[in-house]
Amino acid sequence: LALAGVPMAVAYKVSRAESLLRFLVKV
């Protein structure tokens, strides 16, 4: 979408169990 020049809003949700691992994400 960025290369096509389309402004966007981005969302993402994971399961409750997966969300407990968020502290491991480094970005």
mmCIF file of all heavy atoms, coordinates in Angstrom:
data_MODEL
# 
_entry.id   MODEL 
# 
loop_
_atom_site.group_PDB 
_atom_site.id 
_atom_site.type_symbol 
_atom_site.label_atom_id 
_atom_site.label_alt_id 
_atom_site.label_comp_id 
_atom_site.label_asym_id 
_atom_site.label_entity_id 
_atom_site.label_seq_id 
_atom_site.pdbx_PDB_ins_code 
_atom_site.Cartn_x 
_atom_site.Cartn_y 
_atom_site.Cartn_z 
_atom_site.occupancy 
_atom_site.B_iso_or_equiv 
_atom_site.pdbx_formal_charge 
_atom_site.auth_seq_id 
_atom_site.auth_comp_id 
_atom_site.auth_asym_id 
_atom_site.auth_atom_id 
_atom_site.pdbx_PDB_model_num 
ATOM 1   N N   . LEU A 1 1  ? 0.826  -1.205  0.000  1.00 0.00 ? 1  LEU A N   1 
ATOM 2   C CA  . LEU A 1 1  ? 0.000  0.000   0.000  1.00 0.00 ? 1  LEU A CA  1 
ATOM 3   C C   . LEU A 1 1  ? 0.863  1.259   0.000  1.00 0.00 ? 1  LEU A C   1 
ATOM 4   O O   . LEU A 1 1  ? 0.540  2.241   -0.680 1.00 0.00 ? 1  LEU A O   1 
ATOM 5   C CB  . LEU A 1 1  ? -0.930 -0.006  1.208  1.00 0.00 ? 1  LEU A CB  1 
ATOM 6   C CG  . LEU A 1 1  ? -2.066 -1.029  1.157  1.00 0.00 ? 1  LEU A CG  1 
ATOM 7   C CD1 . LEU A 1 1  ? -2.681 -1.232  2.532  1.00 0.00 ? 1  LEU A CD1 1 
ATOM 8   C CD2 . LEU A 1 1  ? -3.144 -0.602  0.153  1.00 0.00 ? 1  LEU A CD2 1 
ATOM 9   N N   . ALA A 1 2  ? 1.949  1.241   0.756  1.00 0.00 ? 2  ALA A N   1 
ATOM 10  C CA  . ALA A 1 2  ? 2.836  2.405   0.780  1.00 0.00 ? 2  ALA A CA  1 
ATOM 11  C C   . ALA A 1 2  ? 3.421  2.673   -0.598 1.00 0.00 ? 2  ALA A C   1 
ATOM 12  O O   . ALA A 1 2  ? 3.482  3.817   -1.058 1.00 0.00 ? 2  ALA A O   1 
ATOM 13  C CB  . ALA A 1 2  ? 3.948  2.192   1.805  1.00 0.00 ? 2  ALA A CB  1 
ATOM 14  N N   . LEU A 1 3  ? 3.854  1.627   -1.284 1.00 0.00 ? 3  LEU A N   1 
ATOM 15  C CA  . LEU A 1 3  ? 4.419  1.790   -2.623 1.00 0.00 ? 3  LEU A CA  1 
ATOM 16  C C   . LEU A 1 3  ? 3.354  2.237   -3.624 1.00 0.00 ? 3  LEU A C   1 
ATOM 17  O O   . LEU A 1 3  ? 3.672  2.905   -4.612 1.00 0.00 ? 3  LEU A O   1 
ATOM 18  C CB  . LEU A 1 3  ? 5.069  0.491   -3.082 1.00 0.00 ? 3  LEU A CB  1 
ATOM 19  C CG  . LEU A 1 3  ? 6.329  0.081   -2.315 1.00 0.00 ? 3  LEU A CG  1 
ATOM 20  C CD1 . LEU A 1 3  ? 6.816  -1.289  -2.755 1.00 0.00 ? 3  LEU A CD1 1 
ATOM 21  C CD2 . LEU A 1 3  ? 7.437  1.122   -2.488 1.00 0.00 ? 3  LEU A CD2 1 
ATOM 22  N N   . ALA A 1 4  ? 2.111  1.879   -3.375 1.00 0.00 ? 4  ALA A N   1 
ATOM 23  C CA  . ALA A 1 4  ? 1.016  2.322   -4.234 1.00 0.00 ? 4  ALA A CA  1 
ATOM 24  C C   . ALA A 1 4  ? 0.525  3.715   -3.857 1.00 0.00 ? 4  ALA A C   1 
ATOM 25  O O   . ALA A 1 4  ? -0.334 4.275   -4.540 1.00 0.00 ? 4  ALA A O   1 
ATOM 26  C CB  . ALA A 1 4  ? -0.143 1.331   -4.158 1.00 0.00 ? 4  ALA A CB  1 
ATOM 27  N N   . GLY A 1 5  ? 1.057  4.285   -2.770 1.00 0.00 ? 5  GLY A N   1 
ATOM 28  C CA  . GLY A 1 5  ? 0.659  5.617   -2.344 1.00 0.00 ? 5  GLY A CA  1 
ATOM 29  C C   . GLY A 1 5  ? -0.732 5.669   -1.738 1.00 0.00 ? 5  GLY A C   1 
ATOM 30  O O   . GLY A 1 5  ? -1.499 6.607   -1.989 1.00 0.00 ? 5  GLY A O   1 
ATOM 31  N N   . VAL A 1 6  ? -1.064 4.677   -0.927 1.00 0.00 ? 6  VAL A N   1 
ATOM 32  C CA  . VAL A 1 6  ? -2.391 4.622   -0.295 1.00 0.00 ? 6  VAL A CA  1 
ATOM 33  C C   . VAL A 1 6  ? -2.240 4.851   1.203  1.00 0.00 ? 6  VAL A C   1 
ATOM 34  O O   . VAL A 1 6  ? -1.744 3.975   1.925  1.00 0.00 ? 6  VAL A O   1 
ATOM 35  C CB  . VAL A 1 6  ? -3.072 3.258   -0.538 1.00 0.00 ? 6  VAL A CB  1 
ATOM 36  C CG1 . VAL A 1 6  ? -4.480 3.256   0.069  1.00 0.00 ? 6  VAL A CG1 1 
ATOM 37  C CG2 . VAL A 1 6  ? -3.140 2.947   -2.030 1.00 0.00 ? 6  VAL A CG2 1 
ATOM 38  N N   . PRO A 1 7  ? -2.651 6.005   1.727  1.00 0.00 ? 7  PRO A N   1 
ATOM 39  C CA  . PRO A 1 7  ? -2.608 6.230   3.180  1.00 0.00 ? 7  PRO A CA  1 
ATOM 40  C C   . PRO A 1 7  ? -3.456 5.196   3.904  1.00 0.00 ? 7  PRO A C   1 
ATOM 41  O O   . PRO A 1 7  ? -4.503 4.776   3.407  1.00 0.00 ? 7  PRO A O   1 
ATOM 42  C CB  . PRO A 1 7  ? -3.191 7.633   3.345  1.00 0.00 ? 7  PRO A CB  1 
ATOM 43  C CG  . PRO A 1 7  ? -3.000 8.283   2.017  1.00 0.00 ? 7  PRO A CG  1 
ATOM 44  C CD  . PRO A 1 7  ? -3.158 7.186   1.004  1.00 0.00 ? 7  PRO A CD  1 
ATOM 45  N N   . MET A 1 8  ? -2.992 4.802   5.080  1.00 0.00 ? 8  MET A N   1 
ATOM 46  C CA  . MET A 1 8  ? -3.652 3.674   5.754  1.00 0.00 ? 8  MET A CA  1 
ATOM 47  C C   . MET A 1 8  ? -3.635 3.826   7.270  1.00 0.00 ? 8  MET A C   1 
ATOM 48  O O   . MET A 1 8  ? -2.811 4.568   7.823  1.00 0.00 ? 8  MET A O   1 
ATOM 49  C CB  . MET A 1 8  ? -2.951 2.367   5.370  1.00 0.00 ? 8  MET A CB  1 
ATOM 50  C CG  . MET A 1 8  ? -1.585 2.190   6.015  1.00 0.00 ? 8  MET A CG  1 
ATOM 51  S SD  . MET A 1 8  ? -0.533 0.907   5.261  1.00 0.00 ? 8  MET A SD  1 
ATOM 52  C CE  . MET A 1 8  ? 0.296  1.892   4.000  1.00 0.00 ? 8  MET A CE  1 
ATOM 53  N N   . ALA A 1 9  ? -4.533 3.099   7.898  1.00 0.00 ? 9  ALA A N   1 
ATOM 54  C CA  . ALA A 1 9  ? -4.472 2.857   9.337  1.00 0.00 ? 9  ALA A CA  1 
ATOM 55  C C   . ALA A 1 9  ? -4.268 1.356   9.513  1.00 0.00 ? 9  ALA A C   1 
ATOM 56  O O   . ALA A 1 9  ? -4.872 0.560   8.796  1.00 0.00 ? 9  ALA A O   1 
ATOM 57  C CB  . ALA A 1 9  ? -5.754 3.305   10.022 1.00 0.00 ? 9  ALA A CB  1 
ATOM 58  N N   . VAL A 1 10 ? -3.405 0.984   10.442 1.00 0.00 ? 10 VAL A N   1 
ATOM 59  C CA  . VAL A 1 10 ? -3.010 -0.412  10.618 1.00 0.00 ? 10 VAL A CA  1 
ATOM 60  C C   . VAL A 1 10 ? -3.448 -0.900  11.992 1.00 0.00 ? 10 VAL A C   1 
ATOM 61  O O   . VAL A 1 10 ? -3.301 -0.179  12.991 1.00 0.00 ? 10 VAL A O   1 
ATOM 62  C CB  . VAL A 1 10 ? -1.485 -0.575  10.459 1.00 0.00 ? 10 VAL A CB  1 
ATOM 63  C CG1 . VAL A 1 10 ? -1.055 -2.005  10.754 1.00 0.00 ? 10 VAL A CG1 1 
ATOM 64  C CG2 . VAL A 1 10 ? -1.061 -0.176  9.046  1.00 0.00 ? 10 VAL A CG2 1 
ATOM 65  N N   . ALA A 1 11 ? -3.967 -2.112  12.032 1.00 0.00 ? 11 ALA A N   1 
ATOM 66  C CA  . ALA A 1 11 ? -4.369 -2.702  13.310 1.00 0.00 ? 11 ALA A CA  1 
ATOM 67  C C   . ALA A 1 11 ? -3.872 -4.132  13.382 1.00 0.00 ? 11 ALA A C   1 
ATOM 68  O O   . ALA A 1 11 ? -3.612 -4.774  12.359 1.00 0.00 ? 11 ALA A O   1 
ATOM 69  C CB  . ALA A 1 11 ? -5.887 -2.665  13.463 1.00 0.00 ? 11 ALA A CB  1 
ATOM 70  N N   . TYR A 1 12 ? -3.747 -4.623  14.604 1.00 0.00 ? 12 TYR A N   1 
ATOM 71  C CA  . TYR A 1 12 ? -3.383 -6.029  14.774 1.00 0.00 ? 12 TYR A CA  1 
ATOM 72  C C   . TYR A 1 12 ? -3.746 -6.468  16.180 1.00 0.00 ? 12 TYR A C   1 
ATOM 73  O O   . TYR A 1 12 ? -3.541 -5.743  17.155 1.00 0.00 ? 12 TYR A O   1 
ATOM 74  C CB  . TYR A 1 12 ? -1.884 -6.251  14.543 1.00 0.00 ? 12 TYR A CB  1 
ATOM 75  C CG  . TYR A 1 12 ? -1.562 -7.689  14.206 1.00 0.00 ? 12 TYR A CG  1 
ATOM 76  C CD1 . TYR A 1 12 ? -1.872 -8.212  12.958 1.00 0.00 ? 12 TYR A CD1 1 
ATOM 77  C CD2 . TYR A 1 12 ? -0.987 -8.540  15.140 1.00 0.00 ? 12 TYR A CD2 1 
ATOM 78  C CE1 . TYR A 1 12 ? -1.600 -9.536  12.631 1.00 0.00 ? 12 TYR A CE1 1 
ATOM 79  C CE2 . TYR A 1 12 ? -0.710 -9.864  14.835 1.00 0.00 ? 12 TYR A CE2 1 
ATOM 80  C CZ  . TYR A 1 12 ? -1.016 -10.355 13.572 1.00 0.00 ? 12 TYR A CZ  1 
ATOM 81  O OH  . TYR A 1 12 ? -0.753 -11.657 13.261 1.00 0.00 ? 12 TYR A OH  1 
ATOM 82  N N   . LYS A 1 13 ? -4.316 -7.671  16.265 1.00 0.00 ? 13 LYS A N   1 
ATOM 83  C CA  . LYS A 1 13 ? -4.617 -8.271  17.559 1.00 0.00 ? 13 LYS A CA  1 
ATOM 84  C C   . LYS A 1 13 ? -4.228 -9.741  17.503 1.00 0.00 ? 13 LYS A C   1 
ATOM 85  O O   . LYS A 1 13 ? -4.417 -10.401 16.480 1.00 0.00 ? 13 LYS A O   1 
ATOM 86  C CB  . LYS A 1 13 ? -6.110 -8.141  17.897 1.00 0.00 ? 13 LYS A CB  1 
ATOM 87  C CG  . LYS A 1 13 ? -6.595 -6.711  18.072 1.00 0.00 ? 13 LYS A CG  1 
ATOM 88  C CD  . LYS A 1 13 ? -8.030 -6.656  18.572 1.00 0.00 ? 13 LYS A CD  1 
ATOM 89  C CE  . LYS A 1 13 ? -8.082 -6.872  20.066 1.00 0.00 ? 13 LYS A CE  1 
ATOM 90  N NZ  . LYS A 1 13 ? -9.412 -6.541  20.635 1.00 0.00 ? 13 LYS A NZ  1 
ATOM 91  N N   . VAL A 1 14 ? -3.683 -10.228 18.593 1.00 0.00 ? 14 VAL A N   1 
ATOM 92  C CA  . VAL A 1 14 ? -3.372 -11.646 18.715 1.00 0.00 ? 14 VAL A CA  1 
ATOM 93  C C   . VAL A 1 14 ? -4.154 -12.198 19.893 1.00 0.00 ? 14 VAL A C   1 
ATOM 94  O O   . VAL A 1 14 ? -4.815 -11.470 20.625 1.00 0.00 ? 14 VAL A O   1 
ATOM 95  C CB  . VAL A 1 14 ? -1.848 -11.881 18.909 1.00 0.00 ? 14 VAL A CB  1 
ATOM 96  C CG1 . VAL A 1 14 ? -1.079 -11.422 17.686 1.00 0.00 ? 14 VAL A CG1 1 
ATOM 97  C CG2 . VAL A 1 14 ? -1.344 -11.177 20.169 1.00 0.00 ? 14 VAL A CG2 1 
ATOM 98  N N   . SER A 1 15 ? -4.064 -13.505 20.080 1.00 0.00 ? 15 SER A N   1 
ATOM 99  C CA  . SER A 1 15 ? -4.781 -14.136 21.188 1.00 0.00 ? 15 SER A CA  1 
ATOM 100 C C   . SER A 1 15 ? -4.222 -13.650 22.521 1.00 0.00 ? 15 SER A C   1 
ATOM 101 O O   . SER A 1 15 ? -3.111 -13.107 22.592 1.00 0.00 ? 15 SER A O   1 
ATOM 102 C CB  . SER A 1 15 ? -4.646 -15.652 21.106 1.00 0.00 ? 15 SER A CB  1 
ATOM 103 O OG  . SER A 1 15 ? -3.301 -16.032 21.354 1.00 0.00 ? 15 SER A OG  1 
ATOM 104 N N   . ARG A 1 16 ? -4.972 -13.870 23.566 1.00 0.00 ? 16 ARG A N   1 
ATOM 105 C CA  . ARG A 1 16 ? -4.541 -13.425 24.897 1.00 0.00 ? 16 ARG A CA  1 
ATOM 106 C C   . ARG A 1 16 ? -3.216 -14.084 25.289 1.00 0.00 ? 16 ARG A C   1 
ATOM 107 O O   . ARG A 1 16 ? -2.323 -13.440 25.831 1.00 0.00 ? 16 ARG A O   1 
ATOM 108 C CB  . ARG A 1 16 ? -5.613 -13.768 25.927 1.00 0.00 ? 16 ARG A CB  1 
ATOM 109 C CG  . ARG A 1 16 ? -5.311 -13.248 27.324 1.00 0.00 ? 16 ARG A CG  1 
ATOM 110 C CD  . ARG A 1 16 ? -6.492 -13.457 28.256 1.00 0.00 ? 16 ARG A CD  1 
ATOM 111 N NE  . ARG A 1 16 ? -6.213 -12.905 29.574 1.00 0.00 ? 16 ARG A NE  1 
ATOM 112 C CZ  . ARG A 1 16 ? -6.361 -11.637 29.907 1.00 0.00 ? 16 ARG A CZ  1 
ATOM 113 N NH1 . ARG A 1 16 ? -6.790 -10.775 28.992 1.00 0.00 ? 16 ARG A NH1 1 
ATOM 114 N NH2 . ARG A 1 16 ? -6.105 -11.199 31.121 1.00 0.00 ? 16 ARG A NH2 1 
ATOM 115 N N   . ALA A 1 17 ? -3.078 -15.372 24.981 1.00 0.00 ? 17 ALA A N   1 
ATOM 116 C CA  . ALA A 1 17 ? -1.829 -16.075 25.315 1.00 0.00 ? 17 ALA A CA  1 
ATOM 117 C C   . ALA A 1 17 ? -0.643 -15.472 24.570 1.00 0.00 ? 17 ALA A C   1 
ATOM 118 O O   . ALA A 1 17 ? 0.421  -15.234 25.139 1.00 0.00 ? 17 ALA A O   1 
ATOM 119 C CB  . ALA A 1 17 ? -1.962 -17.553 24.992 1.00 0.00 ? 17 ALA A CB  1 
ATOM 120 N N   . GLU A 1 18 ? -0.832 -15.202 23.266 1.00 0.00 ? 18 GLU A N   1 
ATOM 121 C CA  . GLU A 1 18 ? 0.255  -14.616 22.479 1.00 0.00 ? 18 GLU A CA  1 
ATOM 122 C C   . GLU A 1 18 ? 0.597  -13.208 22.948 1.00 0.00 ? 18 GLU A C   1 
ATOM 123 O O   . GLU A 1 18 ? 1.745  -12.789 22.893 1.00 0.00 ? 18 GLU A O   1 
ATOM 124 C CB  . GLU A 1 18 ? -0.134 -14.593 20.997 1.00 0.00 ? 18 GLU A CB  1 
ATOM 125 C CG  . GLU A 1 18 ? -0.195 -15.961 20.352 1.00 0.00 ? 18 GLU A CG  1 
ATOM 126 C CD  . GLU A 1 18 ? -0.795 -15.904 18.958 1.00 0.00 ? 18 GLU A CD  1 
ATOM 127 O OE1 . GLU A 1 18 ? -1.895 -15.330 18.809 1.00 0.00 ? 18 GLU A OE1 1 
ATOM 128 O OE2 . GLU A 1 18 ? -0.163 -16.426 18.033 1.00 0.00 ? 18 GLU A OE2 1 
ATOM 129 N N   . SER A 1 19 ? -0.411 -12.468 23.414 1.00 0.00 ? 19 SER A N   1 
ATOM 130 C CA  . SER A 1 19 ? -0.162 -11.092 23.834 1.00 0.00 ? 19 SER A CA  1 
ATOM 131 C C   . SER A 1 19 ? 0.749  -11.018 25.051 1.00 0.00 ? 19 SER A C   1 
ATOM 132 O O   . SER A 1 19 ? 1.410  -9.999  25.279 1.00 0.00 ? 19 SER A O   1 
ATOM 133 C CB  . SER A 1 19 ? -1.491 -10.386 24.150 1.00 0.00 ? 19 SER A CB  1 
ATOM 134 O OG  . SER A 1 19 ? -2.064 -10.894 25.353 1.00 0.00 ? 19 SER A OG  1 
ATOM 135 N N   . LEU A 1 20 ? 0.818  -12.107 25.818 1.00 0.00 ? 20 LEU A N   1 
ATOM 136 C CA  . LEU A 1 20 ? 1.697  -12.110 26.987 1.00 0.00 ? 20 LEU A CA  1 
ATOM 137 C C   . LEU A 1 20 ? 3.173  -12.092 26.595 1.00 0.00 ? 20 LEU A C   1 
ATOM 138 O O   . LEU A 1 20 ? 4.035  -11.812 27.419 1.00 0.00 ? 20 LEU A O   1 
ATOM 139 C CB  . LEU A 1 20 ? 1.396  -13.356 27.838 1.00 0.00 ? 20 LEU A CB  1 
ATOM 140 C CG  . LEU A 1 20 ? -0.019 -13.439 28.414 1.00 0.00 ? 20 LEU A CG  1 
ATOM 141 C CD1 . LEU A 1 20 ? -0.199 -14.752 29.165 1.00 0.00 ? 20 LEU A CD1 1 
ATOM 142 C CD2 . LEU A 1 20 ? -0.310 -12.257 29.338 1.00 0.00 ? 20 LEU A CD2 1 
ATOM 143 N N   . LEU A 1 21 ? 3.465  -12.388 25.318 1.00 0.00 ? 21 LEU A N   1 
ATOM 144 C CA  . LEU A 1 21 ? 4.847  -12.402 24.845 1.00 0.00 ? 21 LEU A CA  1 
ATOM 145 C C   . LEU A 1 21 ? 5.274  -11.060 24.261 1.00 0.00 ? 21 LEU A C   1 
ATOM 146 O O   . LEU A 1 21 ? 6.372  -10.932 23.734 1.00 0.00 ? 21 LEU A O   1 
ATOM 147 C CB  . LEU A 1 21 ? 5.022  -13.492 23.778 1.00 0.00 ? 21 LEU A CB  1 
ATOM 148 C CG  . LEU A 1 21 ? 4.711  -14.922 24.231 1.00 0.00 ? 21 LEU A CG  1 
ATOM 149 C CD1 . LEU A 1 21 ? 4.816  -15.869 23.052 1.00 0.00 ? 21 LEU A CD1 1 
ATOM 150 C CD2 . LEU A 1 21 ? 5.662  -15.346 25.349 1.00 0.00 ? 21 LEU A CD2 1 
ATOM 151 N N   . ARG A 1 22 ? 4.426  -10.034 24.361 1.00 0.00 ? 22 ARG A N   1 
ATOM 152 C CA  . ARG A 1 22 ? 4.737  -8.753  23.730 1.00 0.00 ? 22 ARG A CA  1 
ATOM 153 C C   . ARG A 1 22 ? 6.029  -8.140  24.250 1.00 0.00 ? 22 ARG A C   1 
ATOM 154 O O   . ARG A 1 22 ? 6.719  -7.420  23.547 1.00 0.00 ? 22 ARG A O   1 
ATOM 155 C CB  . ARG A 1 22 ? 3.587  -7.759  23.946 1.00 0.00 ? 22 ARG A CB  1 
ATOM 156 C CG  . ARG A 1 22 ? 2.443  -7.936  22.980 1.00 0.00 ? 22 ARG A CG  1 
ATOM 157 C CD  . ARG A 1 22 ? 1.389  -6.870  23.187 1.00 0.00 ? 22 ARG A CD  1 
ATOM 158 N NE  . ARG A 1 22 ? 0.737  -6.999  24.481 1.00 0.00 ? 22 ARG A NE  1 
ATOM 159 C CZ  . ARG A 1 22 ? -0.136 -6.125  24.965 1.00 0.00 ? 22 ARG A CZ  1 
ATOM 160 N NH1 . ARG A 1 22 ? -0.434 -5.047  24.280 1.00 0.00 ? 22 ARG A NH1 1 
ATOM 161 N NH2 . ARG A 1 22 ? -0.707 -6.320  26.134 1.00 0.00 ? 22 ARG A NH2 1 
ATOM 162 N N   . PHE A 1 23 ? 6.364  -8.425  25.497 1.00 0.00 ? 23 PHE A N   1 
ATOM 163 C CA  . PHE A 1 23 ? 7.574  -7.831  26.065 1.00 0.00 ? 23 PHE A CA  1 
ATOM 164 C C   . PHE A 1 23 ? 8.833  -8.328  25.362 1.00 0.00 ? 23 PHE A C   1 
ATOM 165 O O   . PHE A 1 23 ? 9.906  -7.729  25.502 1.00 0.00 ? 23 PHE A O   1 
ATOM 166 C CB  . PHE A 1 23 ? 7.657  -8.129  27.570 1.00 0.00 ? 23 PHE A CB  1 
ATOM 167 C CG  . PHE A 1 23 ? 7.954  -9.572  27.894 1.00 0.00 ? 23 PHE A CG  1 
ATOM 168 C CD1 . PHE A 1 23 ? 9.267  -10.005 28.109 1.00 0.00 ? 23 PHE A CD1 1 
ATOM 169 C CD2 . PHE A 1 23 ? 6.939  -10.506 27.975 1.00 0.00 ? 23 PHE A CD2 1 
ATOM 170 C CE1 . PHE A 1 23 ? 9.531  -11.331 28.403 1.00 0.00 ? 23 PHE A CE1 1 
ATOM 171 C CE2 . PHE A 1 23 ? 7.206  -11.828 28.270 1.00 0.00 ? 23 PHE A CE2 1 
ATOM 172 C CZ  . PHE A 1 23 ? 8.504  -12.242 28.485 1.00 0.00 ? 23 PHE A CZ  1 
ATOM 173 N N   . LEU A 1 24 ? 8.727  -9.412  24.584 1.00 0.00 ? 24 LEU A N   1 
ATOM 174 C CA  . LEU A 1 24 ? 9.882  -9.936  23.860 1.00 0.00 ? 24 LEU A CA  1 
ATOM 175 C C   . LEU A 1 24 ? 10.120 -9.229  22.540 1.00 0.00 ? 24 LEU A C   1 
ATOM 176 O O   . LEU A 1 24 ? 11.180 -9.374  21.940 1.00 0.00 ? 24 LEU A O   1 
ATOM 177 C CB  . LEU A 1 24 ? 9.702  -11.437 23.604 1.00 0.00 ? 24 LEU A CB  1 
ATOM 178 C CG  . LEU A 1 24 ? 9.649  -12.337 24.848 1.00 0.00 ? 24 LEU A CG  1 
ATOM 179 C CD1 . LEU A 1 24 ? 9.345  -13.767 24.431 1.00 0.00 ? 24 LEU A CD1 1 
ATOM 180 C CD2 . LEU A 1 24 ? 10.956 -12.279 25.629 1.00 0.00 ? 24 LEU A CD2 1 
ATOM 181 N N   . VAL A 1 25 ? 9.141  -8.469  22.059 1.00 0.00 ? 25 VAL A N   1 
ATOM 182 C CA  . VAL A 1 25 ? 9.275  -7.766  20.791 1.00 0.00 ? 25 VAL A CA  1 
ATOM 183 C C   . VAL A 1 25 ? 10.130 -6.527  20.991 1.00 0.00 ? 25 VAL A C   1 
ATOM 184 O O   . VAL A 1 25 ? 9.889  -5.724  21.896 1.00 0.00 ? 25 VAL A O   1 
ATOM 185 C CB  . VAL A 1 25 ? 7.890  -7.396  20.222 1.00 0.00 ? 25 VAL A CB  1 
ATOM 186 C CG1 . VAL A 1 25 ? 8.030  -6.606  18.935 1.00 0.00 ? 25 VAL A CG1 1 
ATOM 187 C CG2 . VAL A 1 25 ? 7.072  -8.655  19.983 1.00 0.00 ? 25 VAL A CG2 1 
ATOM 188 N N   . LYS A 1 26 ? 11.146 -6.354  20.124 1.00 0.00 ? 26 LYS A N   1 
ATOM 189 C CA  . LYS A 1 26 ? 12.174 -5.349  20.356 1.00 0.00 ? 26 LYS A CA  1 
ATOM 190 C C   . LYS A 1 26 ? 12.084 -4.135  19.436 1.00 0.00 ? 26 LYS A C   1 
ATOM 191 O O   . LYS A 1 26 ? 13.048 -3.387  19.306 1.00 0.00 ? 26 LYS A O   1 
ATOM 192 C CB  . LYS A 1 26 ? 13.556 -5.992  20.172 1.00 0.00 ? 26 LYS A CB  1 
ATOM 193 C CG  . LYS A 1 26 ? 13.799 -7.212  21.063 1.00 0.00 ? 26 LYS A CG  1 
ATOM 194 C CD  . LYS A 1 26 ? 13.784 -6.861  22.529 1.00 0.00 ? 26 LYS A CD  1 
ATOM 195 C CE  . LYS A 1 26 ? 14.102 -8.078  23.399 1.00 0.00 ? 26 LYS A CE  1 
ATOM 196 N NZ  . LYS A 1 26 ? 14.053 -7.778  24.837 1.00 0.00 ? 26 LYS A NZ  1 
ATOM 197 N N   . VAL A 1 27 ? 10.955 -3.916  18.762 1.00 0.00 ? 27 VAL A N   1 
ATOM 198 C CA  . VAL A 1 27 ? 10.845 -2.775  17.861 1.00 0.00 ? 27 VAL A CA  1 
ATOM 199 C C   . VAL A 1 27 ? 9.705  -1.861  18.312 1.00 0.00 ? 27 VAL A C   1 
ATOM 200 O O   . VAL A 1 27 ? 8.769  -2.288  18.980 1.00 0.00 ? 27 VAL A O   1 
ATOM 201 C CB  . VAL A 1 27 ? 10.602 -3.225  16.404 1.00 0.00 ? 27 VAL A CB  1 
ATOM 202 C CG1 . VAL A 1 27 ? 11.857 -3.822  15.813 1.00 0.00 ? 27 VAL A CG1 1 
ATOM 203 C CG2 . VAL A 1 27 ? 9.453  -4.225  16.319 1.00 0.00 ? 27 VAL A CG2 1 
# 
